[in-house]
Structures are given as structure tokens and as C-alpha cells.
Amino acid sequence: MKTHQPIGILDSGIGGLSVLNEIRKTLPNESIIYFGDSAWCPYGARDADEIQRRVFTVTDFLLSKNCKLIVIACNSATIAAVEALRASYPVPFVGMEPGIKPAAAITQTGTVGVLATEASLAGKKFHRLVDDHGSGVTIITRPCPDFVELVESGDVDSPRARAIVEEEVLPLIAANADILVLGCSHFPFLRPLIEDVAGPKVTVMDTGMAVAHRVNHFIPGDIMAPPPSYEIFTSGDLSHLKKQFPILCPNLKASLNHADL
């Protein structure tokens, strides 16, 4: 693989920027092209066939930009499309899945809470994860579509955001969950608020770092690569992206663009 080819990242909106931030930490010399499909956000409320068709469209766009690897920074899109993508394209795909396995391994109370979208929780892939790694552990799920809306609107620490987080998190704490798994790439931007609501005895886990390490497995990085560049595309409102991007990716210089797919 040529080092000047960028990594592609796709998500239903701007939440996957949490994954971009982790990949930058692990592979600081790699260029990245990110596509946030905000015009179609949220994916989690759509059916699997619709998500898959949309993800193929975005993938074609990223491949037209010469991306050498594509990260599906969306649990719903991974569930709906990753197997079909791997069967259809020659480049590697790195998907996301809720961290059921590590959560089940470290819980002390035997109860794990999973915060995710409807599509992620309904997918066969999620149920396989629970069957494979959740034996002997109680897995409690909470669909949280409002979390995606909070992040997309940049509302991650307001009284309204706290009230929404409390509504979803406190029942899990009351059920004795000591691990909360963030099953959507949007949710890490709410992590400080989730941790505050859950309290110090609860561990909050997301998979962004694991995804970055997986990318590093395919692309070990090259310290001799040219200076990295970052291009961010949205199918939604460009002015909204320009407002939210500095909040979610502070100190990152990037080209912000609209793409009508």
C-alpha cells in the first residue's frame, strides 16, 4: 500500500469523529478522509437494507478519493453492511461492534449495560456477540436515539442533555450494572456526562481505541510519510459542520466540504 493514500472513515453523521480522533493518536502520519452522512442521520432508525444501500454509496465516494482502507465508524452500518462490503470491494474494511467481550470479562456485579441505537441492538451480529461472550452475565440494553441527536446538535453538556442521559443511564445503575458499553460512535462525546451521571464505581467503555489498533494492524504507519491531511465531508448542512467540528475536534486543521450524494 502506498503511504500517500488516505484512510477513509464513514459514519451516519459527525459522531464518528470520535473514531477519527483515536486513529489520529495511533497513526499520526496518516491522511484521513471522513464522510459524515448527516443528511441521512440517524442510521439507527432505518432498516438494514436501506442502511446497506447508503453505505455502498458512501463507500464508492471514498474509493473515488483513492482510500486504501475504510473504517465503518458506525455500529448500525457495520451490522447492516460490513460483510457485503468485504465481499464486494478489494480494500480492507474495519467495522465497529459494542465491547461485550471485554465488558463481560471485567464486570464484578455480573451486569453489563449497553447503550446503543435501535438498529445495533436489533441486529443478528449483536445477538451473536451476546451469545458468544455474555454467558453467565446479565446484559441489559437501552436504545438511545436521543443521544445521537444531542451530539449532532453539539449539545453534550446542557441541563437538557443531562436529563436525557439520566433517563437512560440511571435505570442501568439501579439494575446493578457496573460496566456501561457505548455502542455508537456518537456516544463518546457524551462520555464525560455519562460518567458523571453513572458515578465513580461504574466503568464506561467505548471501542474507538480498539478500532484504531485494528487499523494499525492493516497499516503499520510510516514515519517517512508526507505531512498528513484531513478532509471532512458532510451530506448535510456545511454551516452546521463548520460550527460543530471545532468542538468535537479541537486543534485539528481540516478541509470541511459538502458532498451531495
Protein backbone atom coordinates (compact mmCIF):
# COMPACT_ATOMS: atom_id res chain seq x y z
CA MET A 1 0.00 0.00 0.00
CA LYS A 2 1.20 3.49 -0.79
CA THR A 3 1.55 5.68 2.24
CA HIS A 4 0.07 8.73 0.49
CA GLN A 5 -3.28 7.03 0.07
CA PRO A 6 -5.67 8.23 2.78
CA ILE A 7 -7.70 6.24 5.25
CA GLY A 8 -11.43 6.58 4.66
CA ILE A 9 -13.93 6.84 7.51
CA LEU A 10 -17.70 6.85 7.16
CA ASP A 11 -20.45 7.42 9.68
CA SER A 12 -24.11 8.35 9.74
CA GLY A 13 -23.12 11.82 10.94
CA ILE A 14 -20.43 13.57 12.92
CA GLY A 15 -20.25 11.06 15.77
CA GLY A 16 -17.58 9.02 14.01
CA LEU A 17 -15.21 11.92 14.53
CA SER A 18 -14.59 10.26 17.91
CA VAL A 19 -13.04 7.37 15.96
CA LEU A 20 -11.07 9.77 13.77
CA ASN A 21 -9.58 11.27 16.94
CA GLU A 22 -8.44 7.84 18.14
CA ILE A 23 -6.96 6.92 14.76
CA ARG A 24 -5.01 10.19 14.70
CA LYS A 25 -3.47 9.32 18.07
CA THR A 26 -2.43 5.87 16.88
CA LEU A 27 -1.41 6.79 13.31
CA PRO A 28 -0.48 10.48 13.38
CA ASN A 29 1.21 10.40 9.98
CA GLU A 30 -1.78 9.05 8.05
CA SER A 31 -4.07 11.27 5.99
CA ILE A 32 -7.80 10.79 6.53
CA ILE A 33 -10.94 11.46 4.50
CA TYR A 34 -14.10 11.41 6.59
CA PHE A 35 -17.67 11.28 5.32
CA GLY A 36 -20.47 12.08 7.74
CA ASP A 37 -23.82 11.21 6.18
CA SER A 38 -25.76 13.77 8.22
CA ALA A 39 -28.47 14.15 5.59
CA TRP A 40 -29.42 10.52 6.34
CA CYS A 41 -28.75 10.59 10.08
CA PRO A 42 -29.63 8.63 12.14
CA TYR A 43 -28.92 5.27 10.52
CA GLY A 44 -30.04 3.54 13.69
CA ALA A 45 -33.72 4.20 12.99
CA ARG A 46 -33.56 2.85 9.40
CA ASP A 47 -33.97 -0.72 8.16
CA ALA A 48 -30.92 -2.81 7.30
CA ASP A 49 -31.43 -2.81 3.52
CA GLU A 50 -31.66 0.98 3.40
CA ILE A 51 -28.55 1.38 5.54
CA GLN A 52 -26.63 -1.05 3.34
CA ARG A 53 -27.54 0.76 0.12
CA ARG A 54 -26.50 4.08 1.61
CA VAL A 55 -23.21 2.74 2.94
CA PHE A 56 -22.34 1.35 -0.51
CA THR A 57 -22.95 4.83 -1.98
CA VAL A 58 -20.65 6.46 0.57
CA THR A 59 -18.03 3.73 0.09
CA ASP A 60 -17.97 4.40 -3.66
CA PHE A 61 -17.34 8.07 -2.87
CA LEU A 62 -14.43 7.28 -0.55
CA LEU A 63 -12.89 4.87 -3.04
CA SER A 64 -13.11 7.57 -5.70
CA LYS A 65 -10.80 9.53 -3.37
CA ASN A 66 -8.26 6.68 -3.52
CA CYS A 67 -8.76 5.48 0.07
CA LYS A 68 -6.71 2.39 0.90
CA LEU A 69 -8.80 1.24 3.85
CA ILE A 70 -12.27 2.17 5.07
CA VAL A 71 -13.40 2.39 8.65
CA ILE A 72 -17.13 1.98 9.23
CA ALA A 73 -17.34 4.20 12.30
CA CYS A 74 -20.95 3.25 12.94
CA ASN A 75 -22.28 0.17 14.69
CA SER A 76 -25.54 0.19 12.73
CA ALA A 77 -23.71 0.41 9.40
CA THR A 78 -21.27 -2.31 10.44
CA ILE A 79 -24.10 -4.65 11.31
CA ALA A 80 -26.01 -3.92 8.10
CA ALA A 81 -23.22 -3.78 5.57
CA VAL A 82 -19.72 -4.88 6.56
CA GLU A 83 -19.99 -8.47 5.29
CA ALA A 84 -21.42 -7.33 1.95
CA LEU A 85 -18.75 -4.65 1.63
CA ARG A 86 -15.92 -7.11 2.23
CA ALA A 87 -17.40 -9.40 -0.41
CA SER A 88 -17.73 -6.58 -2.95
CA TYR A 89 -14.56 -4.46 -2.67
CA PRO A 90 -10.83 -5.30 -2.59
CA VAL A 91 -9.83 -2.86 0.17
CA PRO A 92 -9.85 -3.75 3.88
CA PHE A 93 -12.85 -2.69 5.99
CA VAL A 94 -12.67 -2.15 9.74
CA GLY A 95 -16.04 -2.16 11.45
CA MET A 96 -17.31 -1.43 14.92
CA GLU A 97 -19.10 -3.56 17.44
CA PRO A 98 -20.13 -2.99 21.07
CA GLY A 99 -17.47 -4.15 23.54
CA ILE A 100 -19.50 -7.01 25.02
CA LYS A 101 -16.49 -9.33 25.32
CA PRO A 102 -14.20 -7.04 27.37
CA ALA A 103 -17.14 -5.80 29.45
CA ALA A 104 -18.23 -9.34 30.33
CA ALA A 105 -14.67 -10.18 31.31
CA ILE A 106 -14.28 -7.41 33.89
CA THR A 107 -17.74 -6.89 35.40
CA GLN A 108 -17.79 -7.50 39.14
CA THR A 109 -21.56 -7.39 39.61
CA GLY A 110 -22.32 -9.65 36.66
CA THR A 111 -24.46 -6.99 34.99
CA VAL A 112 -23.47 -5.00 31.90
CA GLY A 113 -25.46 -2.14 30.43
CA VAL A 114 -25.33 -1.43 26.69
CA LEU A 115 -26.26 1.98 25.31
CA ALA A 116 -26.77 1.80 21.55
CA THR A 117 -29.14 2.52 18.66
CA GLU A 118 -32.20 0.50 17.71
CA ALA A 119 -30.54 -0.96 14.61
CA SER A 120 -27.47 -2.09 16.53
CA LEU A 121 -29.46 -3.80 19.25
CA ALA A 122 -31.80 -5.50 16.77
CA GLY A 123 -29.04 -6.88 14.54
CA LYS A 124 -28.01 -10.52 14.41
CA LYS A 125 -24.38 -9.50 14.90
CA PHE A 126 -25.19 -8.01 18.31
CA HIS A 127 -27.09 -11.09 19.39
CA ARG A 128 -24.17 -13.27 18.30
CA LEU A 129 -21.86 -11.15 20.47
CA VAL A 130 -24.12 -11.65 23.46
CA ASP A 131 -24.39 -15.40 22.78
CA ASP A 132 -20.63 -15.78 22.30
CA HIS A 133 -19.36 -13.60 25.15
CA GLY A 134 -22.23 -12.90 27.54
CA SER A 135 -22.58 -16.32 29.13
CA GLY A 136 -23.12 -16.00 32.86
CA VAL A 137 -23.56 -12.23 32.58
CA THR A 138 -26.76 -10.21 32.54
CA ILE A 139 -26.79 -7.88 29.52
CA ILE A 140 -29.27 -5.00 29.74
CA THR A 141 -29.77 -2.89 26.62
CA ARG A 142 -31.07 0.65 26.24
CA PRO A 143 -31.81 2.11 22.78
CA CYS A 144 -30.76 5.76 22.91
CA PRO A 145 -31.71 7.58 19.68
CA ASP A 146 -31.76 10.91 21.51
CA PHE A 147 -28.03 10.56 22.25
CA VAL A 148 -27.28 10.78 18.52
CA GLU A 149 -29.41 13.90 18.19
CA LEU A 150 -27.62 15.52 21.13
CA VAL A 151 -24.19 15.01 19.57
CA GLU A 152 -25.31 16.04 16.09
CA SER A 153 -26.63 19.30 17.57
CA GLY A 154 -23.50 19.85 19.68
CA ASP A 155 -25.49 19.63 22.89
CA VAL A 156 -23.28 17.48 25.09
CA ASP A 157 -23.34 19.18 28.49
CA SER A 158 -26.57 21.17 28.87
CA PRO A 159 -29.26 20.55 31.52
CA ARG A 160 -31.39 19.01 28.76
CA ALA A 161 -28.55 16.65 27.78
CA ARG A 162 -28.11 15.64 31.42
CA ALA A 163 -31.81 14.89 31.77
CA ILE A 164 -31.76 12.68 28.68
CA VAL A 165 -28.63 10.85 29.85
CA GLU A 166 -30.09 10.34 33.31
CA GLU A 167 -33.24 8.81 31.81
CA GLU A 168 -31.20 6.15 30.01
CA VAL A 169 -28.32 5.57 32.44
CA LEU A 170 -29.94 5.61 35.88
CA PRO A 171 -32.14 2.53 35.24
CA LEU A 172 -28.99 0.59 34.33
CA ILE A 173 -27.28 1.67 37.55
CA ALA A 174 -30.41 0.76 39.51
CA ALA A 175 -30.21 -2.71 37.90
CA ASN A 176 -26.67 -3.08 39.36
CA ALA A 177 -24.69 -2.57 36.12
CA ASP A 178 -21.07 -1.71 36.88
CA ILE A 179 -20.00 -1.53 33.21
CA LEU A 180 -21.64 0.66 30.60
CA VAL A 181 -20.79 -0.12 26.98
CA LEU A 182 -21.12 2.72 24.47
CA GLY A 183 -22.45 1.01 21.35
CA CYS A 184 -22.43 4.00 19.00
CA SER A 185 -19.57 6.20 17.79
CA HIS A 186 -21.57 9.32 18.69
CA PHE A 187 -21.73 8.40 22.35
CA PRO A 188 -18.08 9.01 23.39
CA PHE A 189 -18.75 12.73 23.02
CA LEU A 190 -21.27 12.29 25.85
CA ARG A 191 -18.86 10.19 27.90
CA PRO A 192 -17.99 12.87 30.50
CA LEU A 193 -21.69 13.41 31.17
CA ILE A 194 -22.43 9.66 31.21
CA GLU A 195 -19.58 9.06 33.66
CA ASP A 196 -20.77 11.88 35.89
CA VAL A 197 -24.32 10.53 35.98
CA ALA A 198 -23.20 6.90 36.46
CA GLY A 199 -20.80 7.68 39.29
CA PRO A 200 -17.22 6.64 40.10
CA LYS A 201 -17.99 2.96 40.69
CA VAL A 202 -19.13 2.41 37.11
CA THR A 203 -16.75 1.86 34.18
CA VAL A 204 -17.70 3.33 30.80
CA MET A 205 -16.25 1.59 27.73
CA ASP A 206 -16.16 2.51 24.06
CA THR A 207 -14.45 0.84 21.12
CA GLY A 208 -12.73 3.76 19.39
CA MET A 209 -9.26 2.80 20.59
CA ALA A 210 -9.78 -0.84 19.60
CA VAL A 211 -10.77 0.29 16.10
CA ALA A 212 -7.64 2.43 15.85
CA HIS A 213 -5.47 -0.54 16.82
CA ARG A 214 -7.22 -2.68 14.22
CA VAL A 215 -6.47 -0.06 11.56
CA ASN A 216 -2.86 -0.10 12.73
CA HIS A 217 -2.83 -3.86 12.10
CA PHE A 218 -3.54 -3.22 8.41
CA ILE A 219 -1.49 -0.01 8.18
CA PRO A 220 1.52 -0.06 10.49
CA GLY A 221 2.25 3.57 9.73
CA ASP A 222 5.25 5.21 8.14
CA ILE A 223 7.24 7.92 9.87
CA MET A 224 8.59 8.92 6.44
CA ALA A 225 5.11 9.64 5.07
CA PRO A 226 4.37 13.19 3.89
CA PRO A 227 2.57 15.52 6.33
CA PRO A 228 -0.96 14.21 6.85
CA SER A 229 -4.03 16.00 5.54
CA TYR A 230 -7.61 15.79 6.73
CA GLU A 231 -10.68 16.22 4.56
CA ILE A 232 -14.11 16.16 6.18
CA PHE A 233 -17.22 15.80 4.03
CA THR A 234 -20.87 16.03 5.00
CA SER A 235 -24.02 15.26 3.06
CA GLY A 236 -25.82 17.65 5.39
CA ASP A 237 -25.56 21.34 6.22
CA LEU A 238 -21.97 22.54 5.78
CA SER A 239 -22.51 25.51 8.10
CA HIS A 240 -23.55 23.08 10.83
CA LEU A 241 -20.38 21.04 10.30
CA LYS A 242 -18.28 24.18 10.50
CA LYS A 243 -19.92 25.06 13.80
CA GLN A 244 -19.59 21.62 15.42
CA PHE A 245 -16.21 20.48 14.09
CA PRO A 246 -14.03 22.74 16.29
CA ILE A 247 -15.94 21.49 19.34
CA LEU A 248 -15.51 17.82 18.52
CA CYS A 249 -12.00 18.00 17.02
CA PRO A 250 -10.26 20.93 18.71
CA ASN A 251 -6.88 21.95 17.30
CA LEU A 252 -7.32 19.87 14.14
CA LYS A 253 -6.90 21.73 10.86
CA ALA A 254 -9.06 20.14 8.20
CA SER A 255 -10.78 20.95 4.94
CA LEU A 256 -14.55 20.98 5.51
CA ASN A 257 -16.73 20.25 2.49
CA HIS A 258 -20.24 19.36 1.35
CA ALA A 259 -20.84 16.40 -0.94
CA ASP A 260 -24.25 15.80 -2.45
CA LEU A 261 -24.57 12.02 -2.69
